[in-house]
C-alpha atoms as a PDB file:
ATOM      1  CA  MET A   1      86.119 142.103 100.189  1.00  0.00           C
ATOM      2  CA  THR A   2      88.339 143.748 102.824  1.00  0.00           C
ATOM      3  CA  GLU A   3      88.819 147.390 103.780  1.00  0.00           C
ATOM      4  CA  ASN A   4      92.402 148.660 103.992  1.00  0.00           C
ATOM      5  CA  GLU A   5      93.733 151.466 106.202  1.00  0.00           C
ATOM      6  CA  SER A   6      92.790 154.131 103.653  1.00  0.00           C
ATOM      7  CA  GLY A   7      89.195 152.895 103.615  1.00  0.00           C
ATOM      8  CA  ARG A   8      89.467 151.417 100.147  1.00  0.00           C
ATOM      9  CA  ILE A   9      87.773 148.089  99.512  1.00  0.00           C
ATOM     10  CA  GLU A  10      90.080 145.345  98.231  1.00  0.00           C
ATOM     11  CA  ARG A  11      89.094 142.080  96.611  1.00  0.00           C
ATOM     12  CA  THR A  12      89.483 139.007  98.810  1.00  0.00           C
ATOM     13  CA  SER A  13      91.893 136.497  97.317  1.00  0.00           C
ATOM     14  CA  VAL A  14      93.136 133.016  98.075  1.00  0.00           C
ATOM     15  CA  PRO A  15      96.754 132.751  96.839  1.00  0.00           C
ATOM     16  CA  GLU A  16      96.669 128.936  96.770  1.00  0.00           C
ATOM     17  CA  LEU A  17      93.613 129.030  94.492  1.00  0.00           C
ATOM     18  CA  ASP A  18      95.037 131.855  92.376  1.00  0.00           C
ATOM     19  CA  ALA A  19      98.057 129.637  91.678  1.00  0.00           C
ATOM     20  CA  MET A  20      95.873 126.944  90.119  1.00  0.00           C
ATOM     21  CA  LEU A  21      93.549 129.099  87.998  1.00  0.00           C
ATOM     22  CA  GLY A  22      93.163 127.518  84.570  1.00  0.00           C
ATOM     23  CA  GLN A  23      95.052 124.342  85.473  1.00  0.00           C
ATOM     24  CA  LYS A  24      93.299 121.129  84.488  1.00  0.00           C
ATOM     25  CA  ILE A  25      92.576 118.566  87.187  1.00  0.00           C
ATOM     26  CA  ALA A  26      92.295 115.240  85.372  1.00  0.00           C
ATOM     27  CA  VAL A  27      89.177 113.147  85.993  1.00  0.00           C
ATOM     28  CA  LEU A  28      88.333 109.754  84.455  1.00  0.00           C
ATOM     29  CA  ASP A  29      90.228 109.002  81.238  1.00  0.00           C
ATOM     30  CA  GLN A  30      89.763 112.245  79.288  1.00  0.00           C
ATOM     31  CA  GLY A  31      87.752 114.508  81.580  1.00  0.00           C
ATOM     32  CA  PHE A  32      88.865 117.442  83.670  1.00  0.00           C
ATOM     33  CA  VAL A  33      87.862 120.204  86.065  1.00  0.00           C
ATOM     34  CA  ARG A  34      89.543 123.570  86.232  1.00  0.00           C
ATOM     35  CA  VAL A  35      88.893 126.791  88.123  1.00  0.00           C
ATOM     36  CA  ILE A  36      88.209 129.759  85.877  1.00  0.00           C
ATOM     37  CA  ASP A  37      87.300 132.390  88.470  1.00  0.00           C
ATOM     38  CA  TYR A  38      86.042 132.748  92.023  1.00  0.00           C
ATOM     39  CA  MET A  39      84.696 135.325  94.459  1.00  0.00           C
ATOM     40  CA  GLY A  40      85.095 135.264  98.218  1.00  0.00           C
ATOM     41  CA  SER A  41      86.815 133.092 100.810  1.00  0.00           C
ATOM     42  CA  ASP A  42      86.360 131.972 104.408  1.00  0.00           C
ATOM     43  CA  GLN A  43      86.747 135.639 105.344  1.00  0.00           C
ATOM     44  CA  SER A  44      83.776 136.557 103.140  1.00  0.00           C
ATOM     45  CA  ILE A  45      81.580 134.094 105.014  1.00  0.00           C
ATOM     46  CA  VAL A  46      82.323 135.590 108.416  1.00  0.00           C
ATOM     47  CA  GLN A  47      82.009 139.141 107.081  1.00  0.00           C
ATOM     48  CA  ALA A  48      78.560 138.345 105.744  1.00  0.00           C
ATOM     49  CA  ALA A  49      77.520 136.791 109.049  1.00  0.00           C
ATOM     50  CA  ARG A  50      78.813 139.722 111.096  1.00  0.00           C
ATOM     51  CA  VAL A  51      77.208 142.467 109.056  1.00  0.00           C
ATOM     52  CA  SER A  52      73.950 141.873 110.911  1.00  0.00           C
ATOM     53  CA  TYR A  53      75.426 142.562 114.352  1.00  0.00           C
ATOM     54  CA  GLY A  54      78.309 144.921 113.854  1.00  0.00           C
ATOM     55  CA  ARG A  55      82.057 144.635 113.880  1.00  0.00           C
ATOM     56  CA  GLY A  56      82.250 141.214 115.534  1.00  0.00           C
ATOM     57  CA  THR A  57      85.334 139.132 116.201  1.00  0.00           C
ATOM     58  CA  LYS A  58      88.711 139.396 114.546  1.00  0.00           C
ATOM     59  CA  THR A  59      90.918 136.327 115.128  1.00  0.00           C
ATOM     60  CA  VAL A  60      91.267 133.246 112.928  1.00  0.00           C
ATOM     61  CA  LYS A  61      90.114 131.155 115.894  1.00  0.00           C
ATOM     62  CA  ASP A  62      86.953 133.245 116.143  1.00  0.00           C
ATOM     63  CA  ASP A  63      86.415 132.964 112.371  1.00  0.00           C
ATOM     64  CA  ARG A  64      86.668 129.182 112.561  1.00  0.00           C
ATOM     65  CA  GLU A  65      84.267 128.966 115.493  1.00  0.00           C
ATOM     66  CA  LEU A  66      81.740 131.197 113.734  1.00  0.00           C
ATOM     67  CA  ILE A  67      81.893 129.181 110.495  1.00  0.00           C
ATOM     68  CA  ARG A  68      81.415 125.951 112.430  1.00  0.00           C
ATOM     69  CA  TYR A  69      78.448 127.487 114.276  1.00  0.00           C
ATOM     70  CA  LEU A  70      76.870 128.571 110.984  1.00  0.00           C
ATOM     71  CA  MET A  71      77.332 125.089 109.527  1.00  0.00           C
ATOM     72  CA  ARG A  72      75.985 123.307 112.619  1.00  0.00           C
ATOM     73  CA  HIS A  73      72.852 125.403 112.744  1.00  0.00           C
ATOM     74  CA  ASP A  74      72.109 125.552 108.999  1.00  0.00           C
ATOM     75  CA  HIS A  75      72.663 129.290 108.654  1.00  0.00           C
ATOM     76  CA  THR A  76      73.288 128.979 104.927  1.00  0.00           C
ATOM     77  CA  SER A  77      73.109 132.496 103.482  1.00  0.00           C
ATOM     78  CA  PRO A  78      76.665 133.550 104.521  1.00  0.00           C
ATOM     79  CA  PHE A  79      78.028 130.627 102.470  1.00  0.00           C
ATOM     80  CA  GLU A  80      76.198 131.976  99.435  1.00  0.00           C
ATOM     81  CA  MET A  81      78.526 135.012  99.476  1.00  0.00           C
ATOM     82  CA  CYS A  82      81.241 132.842  97.890  1.00  0.00           C
ATOM     83  CA  GLU A  83      80.992 131.796  94.236  1.00  0.00           C
ATOM     84  CA  ILE A  84      83.186 129.777  91.920  1.00  0.00           C
ATOM     85  CA  LYS A  85      83.250 129.204  88.155  1.00  0.00           C
ATOM     86  CA  LEU A  86      84.499 125.855  86.894  1.00  0.00           C
ATOM     87  CA  HIS A  87      85.270 124.609  83.397  1.00  0.00           C
ATOM     88  CA  LEU A  88      84.270 120.956  83.077  1.00  0.00           C
ATOM     89  CA  ARG A  89      84.805 118.191  80.553  1.00  0.00           C
ATOM     90  CA  VAL A  90      82.437 115.365  81.431  1.00  0.00           C
ATOM     91  CA  PRO A  91      80.766 112.406  79.655  1.00  0.00           C
ATOM     92  CA  MET A  92      77.226 113.205  78.513  1.00  0.00           C
ATOM     93  CA  ASP A  93      75.585 110.470  80.603  1.00  0.00           C
ATOM     94  CA  CYS A  94      77.322 111.822  83.705  1.00  0.00           C
ATOM     95  CA  TRP A  95      76.339 115.355  82.711  1.00  0.00           C
ATOM     96  CA  ARG A  96      72.675 114.296  82.674  1.00  0.00           C
ATOM     97  CA  GLN A  97      72.938 113.660  86.415  1.00  0.00           C
ATOM     98  CA  TRP A  98      74.999 116.773  87.024  1.00  0.00           C
ATOM     99  CA  ILE A  99      72.589 119.170  85.322  1.00  0.00           C
ATOM    100  CA  ARG A 100      69.787 118.060  87.645  1.00  0.00           C
ATOM    101  CA  HIS A 101      71.411 120.281  90.277  1.00  0.00           C
ATOM    102  CA  ARG A 102      69.507 123.368  89.207  1.00  0.00           C
ATOM    103  CA  THR A 103      71.204 125.833  91.544  1.00  0.00           C
ATOM    104  CA  ALA A 104      74.058 126.822  89.228  1.00  0.00           C
ATOM    105  CA  SER A 105      74.504 129.017  86.180  1.00  0.00           C
ATOM    106  CA  VAL A 106      75.475 126.847  83.212  1.00  0.00           C
ATOM    107  CA  ASN A 107      76.672 127.345  79.668  1.00  0.00           C
ATOM    108  CA  GLU A 108      77.400 124.130  77.752  1.00  0.00           C
ATOM    109  CA  TYR A 109      79.359 123.418  74.590  1.00  0.00           C
ATOM    110  CA  SER A 110      76.875 123.355  71.713  1.00  0.00           C
ATOM    111  CA  THR A 111      77.007 120.611  69.102  1.00  0.00           C
ATOM    112  CA  ARG A 112      74.544 122.622  67.008  1.00  0.00           C
ATOM    113  CA  TYR A 113      77.202 125.274  66.431  1.00  0.00           C
ATOM    114  CA  SER A 114      80.389 123.243  66.776  1.00  0.00           C
ATOM    115  CA  ILE A 115      81.594 119.763  65.907  1.00  0.00           C
ATOM    116  CA  ALA A 116      81.208 117.344  68.815  1.00  0.00           C
ATOM    117  CA  ILE A 117      84.294 116.816  70.933  1.00  0.00           C
ATOM    118  CA  ASP A 118      86.251 113.864  69.566  1.00  0.00           C
ATOM    119  CA  ALA A 119      86.538 112.047  72.878  1.00  0.00           C
ATOM    120  CA  ALA A 120      84.462 109.341  74.542  1.00  0.00           C
ATOM    121  CA  GLN A 121      84.879 107.699  77.916  1.00  0.00           C
ATOM    122  CA  ALA A 122      86.411 104.232  77.663  1.00  0.00           C
ATOM    123  CA  THR A 123      85.972 101.443  80.216  1.00  0.00           C
ATOM    124  CA  THR A 124      88.935  99.310  81.263  1.00  0.00           C
ATOM    125  CA  PRO A 125      88.520  95.504  81.307  1.00  0.00           C
ATOM    126  CA  GLY A 126      88.422  95.589  85.106  1.00  0.00           C
ATOM    127  CA  GLY A 127      86.021  98.502  85.261  1.00  0.00           C
ATOM    128  CA  TRP A 128      82.714  96.877  84.273  1.00  0.00           C
ATOM    129  CA  ARG A 129      80.465  97.055  87.332  1.00  0.00           C
ATOM    130  CA  GLN A 130      77.694  94.644  88.267  1.00  0.00           C
ATOM    131  CA  GLN A 131      74.151  95.670  89.142  1.00  0.00           C
ATOM    132  CA  ALA A 132      73.596  96.161  92.890  1.00  0.00           C
ATOM    133  CA  VAL A 133      71.075  93.914  94.606  1.00  0.00           C
ATOM    134  CA  ARG A 134      69.819  96.308  97.308  1.00  0.00           C
ATOM    135  CA  ASN A 135      70.145  99.533  95.314  1.00  0.00           C
ATOM    136  CA  ARG A 136      68.201  99.297  92.052  1.00  0.00           C
ATOM    137  CA  GLN A 137      69.954 102.294  90.531  1.00  0.00           C
ATOM    138  CA  GLY A 138      73.453 101.463  91.754  1.00  0.00           C
ATOM    139  CA  SER A 139      76.272  99.004  91.237  1.00  0.00           C
ATOM    140  CA  GLU A 140      78.437  96.734  93.357  1.00  0.00           C
ATOM    141  CA  GLY A 141      81.368  94.510  92.472  1.00  0.00           C
ATOM    142  CA  PHE A 142      82.908  93.966  89.047  1.00  0.00           C
ATOM    143  CA  LEU A 143      82.761  91.478  86.206  1.00  0.00           C
ATOM    144  CA  ASP A 144      85.840  89.329  85.768  1.00  0.00           C
ATOM    145  CA  GLU A 145      88.471  90.867  83.485  1.00  0.00           C
ATOM    146  CA  THR A 146      88.130  88.190  80.821  1.00  0.00           C
ATOM    147  CA  ALA A 147      84.507  89.131  80.183  1.00  0.00           C
ATOM    148  CA  GLY A 148      85.424  92.783  80.725  1.00  0.00           C
ATOM    149  CA  ALA A 149      88.111  92.674  78.044  1.00  0.00           C
ATOM    150  CA  GLU A 150      85.563  91.546  75.466  1.00  0.00           C
ATOM    151  CA  LEU A 151      83.137  94.284  76.517  1.00  0.00           C
ATOM    152  CA  SER A 152      85.909  96.882  76.270  1.00  0.00           C
ATOM    153  CA  ARG A 153      86.760  95.737  72.734  1.00  0.00           C
ATOM    154  CA  GLU A 154      83.083  95.960  71.755  1.00  0.00           C
ATOM    155  CA  GLU A 155      82.852  99.401  73.347  1.00  0.00           C
ATOM    156  CA  ALA A 156      85.861 100.718  71.429  1.00  0.00           C
ATOM    157  CA  GLY A 157      84.472  99.388  68.147  1.00  0.00           C
ATOM    158  CA  LEU A 158      81.044 100.888  68.788  1.00  0.00           C
ATOM    159  CA  GLN A 159      82.450 104.299  69.663  1.00  0.00           C
ATOM    160  CA  GLU A 160      84.692 104.319  66.582  1.00  0.00           C
ATOM    161  CA  HIS A 161      81.762 103.329  64.367  1.00  0.00           C
ATOM    162  CA  CYS A 162      79.485 106.040  65.802  1.00  0.00           C
ATOM    163  CA  ARG A 163      82.182 108.646  65.252  1.00  0.00           C
ATOM    164  CA  ARG A 164      82.696 107.544  61.635  1.00  0.00           C
ATOM    165  CA  VAL A 165      78.944 107.763  60.976  1.00  0.00           C
ATOM    166  CA  TYR A 166      78.833 111.228  62.535  1.00  0.00           C
ATOM    167  CA  THR A 167      81.837 112.449  60.531  1.00  0.00           C
ATOM    168  CA  ARG A 168      80.379 111.013  57.306  1.00  0.00           C
ATOM    169  CA  ARG A 169      77.138 112.906  57.841  1.00  0.00           C
ATOM    170  CA  LEU A 170      79.007 116.163  58.326  1.00  0.00           C
ATOM    171  CA  GLU A 171      81.040 115.536  55.160  1.00  0.00           C
ATOM    172  CA  LEU A 172      77.793 115.039  53.212  1.00  0.00           C
ATOM    173  CA  GLY A 173      76.476 118.350  54.490  1.00  0.00           C
ATOM    174  CA  VAL A 174      73.995 117.099  57.105  1.00  0.00           C
ATOM    175  CA  ALA A 175      73.216 119.808  59.667  1.00  0.00           C
ATOM    176  CA  ARG A 176      75.241 119.488  62.859  1.00  0.00           C
ATOM    177  CA  GLU A 177      72.084 119.518  64.953  1.00  0.00           C
ATOM    178  CA  GLN A 178      70.905 116.342  63.204  1.00  0.00           C
ATOM    179  CA  ALA A 179      74.224 114.641  62.530  1.00  0.00           C
ATOM    180  CA  ARG A 180      74.893 114.420  66.270  1.00  0.00           C
ATOM    181  CA  LYS A 181      71.801 112.407  67.202  1.00  0.00           C
ATOM    182  CA  ASP A 182      73.479 108.966  67.239  1.00  0.00           C
ATOM    183  CA  LEU A 183      76.588 109.919  69.165  1.00  0.00           C
ATOM    184  CA  PRO A 184      76.967 107.720  72.268  1.00  0.00           C
ATOM    185  CA  LEU A 185      76.314 109.116  75.736  1.00  0.00           C
ATOM    186  CA  ALA A 186      79.965 108.359  76.504  1.00  0.00           C
ATOM    187  CA  THR A 187      80.894 111.356  74.309  1.00  0.00           C
ATOM    188  CA  TYR A 188      82.468 114.150  76.343  1.00  0.00           C
ATOM    189  CA  THR A 189      80.854 117.555  76.573  1.00  0.00           C
ATOM    190  CA  GLU A 190      82.198 120.745  78.145  1.00  0.00           C
ATOM    191  CA  ALA A 191      80.531 123.438  80.209  1.00  0.00           C
ATOM    192  CA  TYR A 192      81.125 126.453  82.401  1.00  0.00           C
ATOM    193  CA  TRP A 193      79.457 125.853  85.760  1.00  0.00           C
ATOM    194  CA  LYS A 194      79.146 128.742  88.234  1.00  0.00           C
ATOM    195  CA  ILE A 195      77.777 128.048  91.701  1.00  0.00           C
ATOM    196  CA  ASP A 196      77.841 129.514  95.210  1.00  0.00           C
ATOM    197  CA  LEU A 197      79.533 127.672  98.064  1.00  0.00           C
ATOM    198  CA  HIS A 198      76.310 126.694  99.845  1.00  0.00           C
ATOM    199  CA  ASN A 199      74.894 124.973  96.762  1.00  0.00           C
ATOM    200  CA  LEU A 200      78.276 123.500  95.883  1.00  0.00           C
ATOM    201  CA  MET A 201      78.278 121.819  99.291  1.00  0.00           C
ATOM    202  CA  ASN A 202      74.777 120.482  98.625  1.00  0.00           C
ATOM    203  CA  PHE A 203      76.071 119.027  95.346  1.00  0.00           C
ATOM    204  CA  LEU A 204      79.089 117.485  97.056  1.00  0.00           C
ATOM    205  CA  ALA A 205      77.039 116.054  99.930  1.00  0.00           C
ATOM    206  CA  LEU A 206      75.060 114.022  97.399  1.00  0.00           C
ATOM    207  CA  ARG A 207      77.771 113.170  94.900  1.00  0.00           C
ATOM    208  CA  LEU A 208      80.499 112.213  97.385  1.00  0.00           C
ATOM    209  CA  ASP A 209      78.206 109.612  98.891  1.00  0.00           C
ATOM    210  CA  ALA A 210      79.351 106.021  98.454  1.00  0.00           C
ATOM    211  CA  LYS A 211      76.052 105.259  96.675  1.00  0.00           C
ATOM    212  CA  ALA A 212      76.620 107.945  94.019  1.00  0.00           C
ATOM    213  CA  GLN A 213      77.613 106.728  90.559  1.00  0.00           C
ATOM    214  CA  HIS A 214      81.368 106.240  90.245  1.00  0.00           C
ATOM    215  CA  GLU A 215      81.794 108.687  87.374  1.00  0.00           C
ATOM    216  CA  ILE A 216      80.130 111.698  88.981  1.00  0.00           C
ATOM    217  CA  ARG A 217      81.671 110.803  92.341  1.00  0.00           C
ATOM    218  CA  SER A 218      85.092 111.039  90.681  1.00  0.00           C
ATOM    219  CA  TYR A 219      84.341 114.633  89.695  1.00  0.00           C
ATOM    220  CA  ALA A 220      82.972 115.417  93.154  1.00  0.00           C
ATOM    221  CA  GLU A 221      86.149 114.061  94.758  1.00  0.00           C
ATOM    222  CA  ALA A 222      88.302 116.223  92.492  1.00  0.00           C
ATOM    223  CA  ILE A 223      86.259 119.358  93.237  1.00  0.00           C
ATOM    224  CA  ALA A 224      86.173 118.617  96.964  1.00  0.00           C
ATOM    225  CA  GLY A 225      89.809 117.766  97.565  1.00  0.00           C
ATOM    226  CA  ARG A 226      91.519 119.920  94.952  1.00  0.00           C
ATOM    227  CA  VAL A 227      89.245 122.982  94.866  1.00  0.00           C
ATOM    228  CA  ALA A 228      86.868 123.434  97.819  1.00  0.00           C
ATOM    229  CA  ALA A 229      89.445 122.419 100.436  1.00  0.00           C
ATOM    230  CA  VAL A 230      91.894 124.983  99.005  1.00  0.00           C
ATOM    231  CA  TRP A 231      89.375 127.755  98.399  1.00  0.00           C
ATOM    232  CA  CYS A 232      87.603 127.846 101.803  1.00  0.00           C
ATOM    233  CA  PRO A 233      89.500 125.479 104.132  1.00  0.00           C
ATOM    234  CA  MET A 234      87.614 126.427 107.322  1.00  0.00           C
ATOM    235  CA  ALA A 235      84.223 126.029 105.640  1.00  0.00           C
ATOM    236  CA  TRP A 236      85.382 122.755 104.093  1.00  0.00           C
ATOM    237  CA  GLU A 237      86.514 121.467 107.486  1.00  0.00           C
ATOM    238  CA  ALA A 238      83.120 122.332 109.002  1.00  0.00           C
ATOM    239  CA  PHE A 239      81.309 120.783 106.046  1.00  0.00           C
ATOM    240  CA  ARG A 240      83.218 117.517 106.428  1.00  0.00           C
ATOM    241  CA  GLU A 241      82.501 117.475 110.158  1.00  0.00           C
ATOM    242  CA  TYR A 242      78.835 118.429 110.176  1.00  0.00           C
ATOM    243  CA  ARG A 243      77.569 117.275 106.779  1.00  0.00           C
ATOM    244  CA  LEU A 244      79.693 114.466 105.368  1.00  0.00           C
ATOM    245  CA  SER A 245      80.429 112.706 108.661  1.00  0.00           C
ATOM    246  CA  MET A 246      77.116 113.419 110.349  1.00  0.00           C
ATOM    247  CA  ILE A 247      74.767 110.583 111.322  1.00  0.00           C
ATOM    248  CA  ARG A 248      71.136 111.655 111.003  1.00  0.00           C
ATOM    249  CA  LEU A 249      68.587 109.908 113.209  1.00  0.00           C
ATOM    250  CA  SER A 250      64.829 110.222 112.825  1.00  0.00           C
ATOM    251  CA  ALA A 251      62.624 110.490 115.914  1.00  0.00           C
ATOM    252  CA  ALA A 252      61.972 106.724 115.831  1.00  0.00           C
ATOM    253  CA  GLU A 253      65.664 105.969 115.326  1.00  0.00           C
ATOM    254  CA  GLN A 254      66.576 108.171 118.292  1.00  0.00           C
ATOM    255  CA  LYS A 255      64.174 106.207 120.515  1.00  0.00           C
ATOM    256  CA  ILE A 256      65.662 102.902 119.381  1.00  0.00           C
ATOM    257  CA  ALA A 257      69.243 104.106 119.899  1.00  0.00           C
ATOM    258  CA  GLY A 258      68.307 105.514 123.321  1.00  0.00           C
ATOM    259  CA  LEU A 259      66.802 102.204 124.415  1.00  0.00           C
ATOM    260  CA  LEU A 260      69.919 100.357 123.286  1.00  0.00           C
ATOM    261  CA  ALA A 261      72.171 102.812 125.124  1.00  0.00           C
ATOM    262  CA  ALA A 262      70.045 102.235 128.242  1.00  0.00           C
ATOM    263  CA  GLY A 263      70.507  98.461 127.968  1.00  0.00           C
ATOM    264  CA  ARG A 264      66.907  97.737 126.976  1.00  0.00           C
ATOM    265  CA  PRO A 265      67.267  95.751 123.724  1.00  0.00           C
ATOM    266  CA  GLU A 266      63.871  94.006 123.874  1.00  0.00           C
ATOM    267  CA  GLU A 267      62.104  97.350 124.102  1.00  0.00           C
ATOM    268  CA  ALA A 268      64.233  98.565 121.197  1.00  0.00           C
ATOM    269  CA  VAL A 269      62.962  95.651 119.105  1.00  0.00           C
ATOM    270  CA  ARG A 270      59.352  96.465 119.981  1.00  0.00           C
ATOM    271  CA  GLN A 271      59.945 100.111 119.101  1.00  0.00           C
ATOM    272  CA  ALA A 272      61.397  99.040 115.734  1.00  0.00           C
ATOM    273  CA  GLU A 273      58.282  96.930 115.125  1.00  0.00           C
ATOM    274  CA  ARG A 274      55.955  99.811 116.030  1.00  0.00           C
ATOM    275  CA  ALA A 275      57.878 102.109 113.676  1.00  0.00           C
ATOM    276  CA  GLY A 276      57.409  99.627 110.832  1.00  0.00           C
ATOM    277  CA  PHE A 277      61.115  98.819 110.579  1.00  0.00           C
ATOM    278  CA  LEU A 278      60.549  95.157 111.411  1.00  0.00           C
ATOM    279  CA  GLY A 279      57.838  92.742 110.426  1.00  0.00           C
ATOM    280  CA  SER A 280      57.406  89.278 111.910  1.00  0.00           C
ATOM    281  CA  THR A 281      57.473  86.199 109.647  1.00  0.00           C
ATOM    282  CA  ASP A 282      57.723  82.468 110.250  1.00  0.00           C
ATOM    283  CA  LYS A 283      61.448  82.751 109.591  1.00  0.00           C
ATOM    284  CA  GLY A 284      62.017  85.696 111.910  1.00  0.00           C
ATOM    285  CA  HIS A 285      62.100  89.430 111.375  1.00  0.00           C
ATOM    286  CA  LYS A 286      61.613  90.939 107.933  1.00  0.00           C
ATOM    287  CA  ARG A 287      63.726  94.087 107.793  1.00  0.00           C
ATOM    288  CA  SER A 288      62.652  97.114 105.753  1.00  0.00           C
ATOM    289  CA  LEU A 289      65.137  99.206 103.777  1.00  0.00           C
ATOM    290  CA  GLU A 290      64.818 101.870 106.484  1.00  0.00           C
ATOM    291  CA  CYS A 291      65.736  99.223 109.061  1.00  0.00           C
ATOM    292  CA  GLN A 292      68.811  98.187 107.063  1.00  0.00           C
ATOM    293  CA  GLU A 293      69.916 101.828 106.907  1.00  0.00           C
ATOM    294  CA  LEU A 294      69.394 102.134 110.675  1.00  0.00           C
ATOM    295  CA  GLU A 295      71.610  99.091 111.195  1.00  0.00           C
ATOM    296  CA  ASP A 296      74.442 100.882 109.383  1.00  0.00           C
ATOM    297  CA  LYS A 297      73.967 103.927 111.629  1.00  0.00           C
ATOM    298  CA  LEU A 298      73.907 101.855 114.806  1.00  0.00           C
ATOM    299  CA  SER A 299      77.055 100.015 113.724  1.00  0.00           C
ATOM    300  CA  ALA A 300      78.800 103.357 113.182  1.00  0.00           C
ATOM    301  CA  LEU A 301      77.839 104.264 116.763  1.00  0.00           C
ATOM    302  CA  GLY A 302      79.277 101.007 118.080  1.00  0.00           C
ATOM    303  CA  MET A 303      75.851  99.449 118.720  1.00  0.00           C
ATOM    304  CA  THR A 304      74.637  96.016 117.652  1.00  0.00           C
ATOM    305  CA  PRO A 305      71.054  95.917 116.352  1.00  0.00           C
ATOM    306  CA  PRO A 306      69.323  93.539 118.821  1.00  0.00           C
ATOM    307  CA  TRP A 307      67.259  91.840 116.092  1.00  0.00           C
ATOM    308  CA  ARG A 308      70.523  90.736 114.454  1.00  0.00           C
ATOM    309  CA  ARG A 309      72.187  89.309 117.523  1.00  0.00           C
ATOM    310  CA  GLU A 310      73.117  85.658 117.746  1.00  0.00           C
ATOM    311  CA  GLY A 311      70.095  83.492 118.503  1.00  0.00           C
ATOM    312  CA  ARG A 312      67.588  86.008 117.142  1.00  0.00           C
ATOM    313  CA  PRO A 313      66.308  85.347 113.600  1.00  0.00           C
ATOM    314  CA  GLY A 314      66.468  88.250 111.185  1.00  0.00           C
END
């Protein structure tokens, strides 16, 4: 909200977001996200932060610096002053993950009252993912398209059969709440999802991660790039800088990185062993999952893990 010269309070608006209200942003094959309503903007964040110490600063530069300070130091409540309401169409199996974020207000399409949406997510022949080796709940790589084409044909037949069974039950007078029970999880559902900016960023931090499931990551990418970046561009810039691109180091990891920066790789190895990252075997060093994650962080910092250098088993 802003106060005009007459002292009247006016609603804060974002013209770029106003222009896209109600427009569907396509996701997956038949899904979408669209903005229904919103409250607040970057200006609302700085107003909320300044209310505790008076009038404060006025320029856009000062606003940007304040938002970045709030983000860097985890001052989250000012970001809660912004809220957004989205209309979603999402496959039910993806929605199961989504609804675990319990910091939103949700109202979902009910298949007790209405006939289930006649749409199910289809997988292309090249879209069948293989089980990841390191990540038990993730995927990596794809099946070849010849095998994928057969799986896609089976999928289409299964979905058509399930829909026919469901429709037949309804025609015979079976209650909707029971007729729906054998619909596949690929069936699309719809929901209104209202959330504040702080919790939206928490959602995006998890679901934009490369390890997040492809389907929900596709929705997160649409919300991030097409909605959040338009709605609160300064907050989104700070979020990208200090949350998405941040490298977090534990106390042990900081010691190891410090020893490497000081040119003391042997001490870094001993520190990794003391921290439980490395275990000695006849074949060399056995690396824990935490150690493998540290290696990725060190690589991003331009450092080579000393236990992986040439001539050192690992």
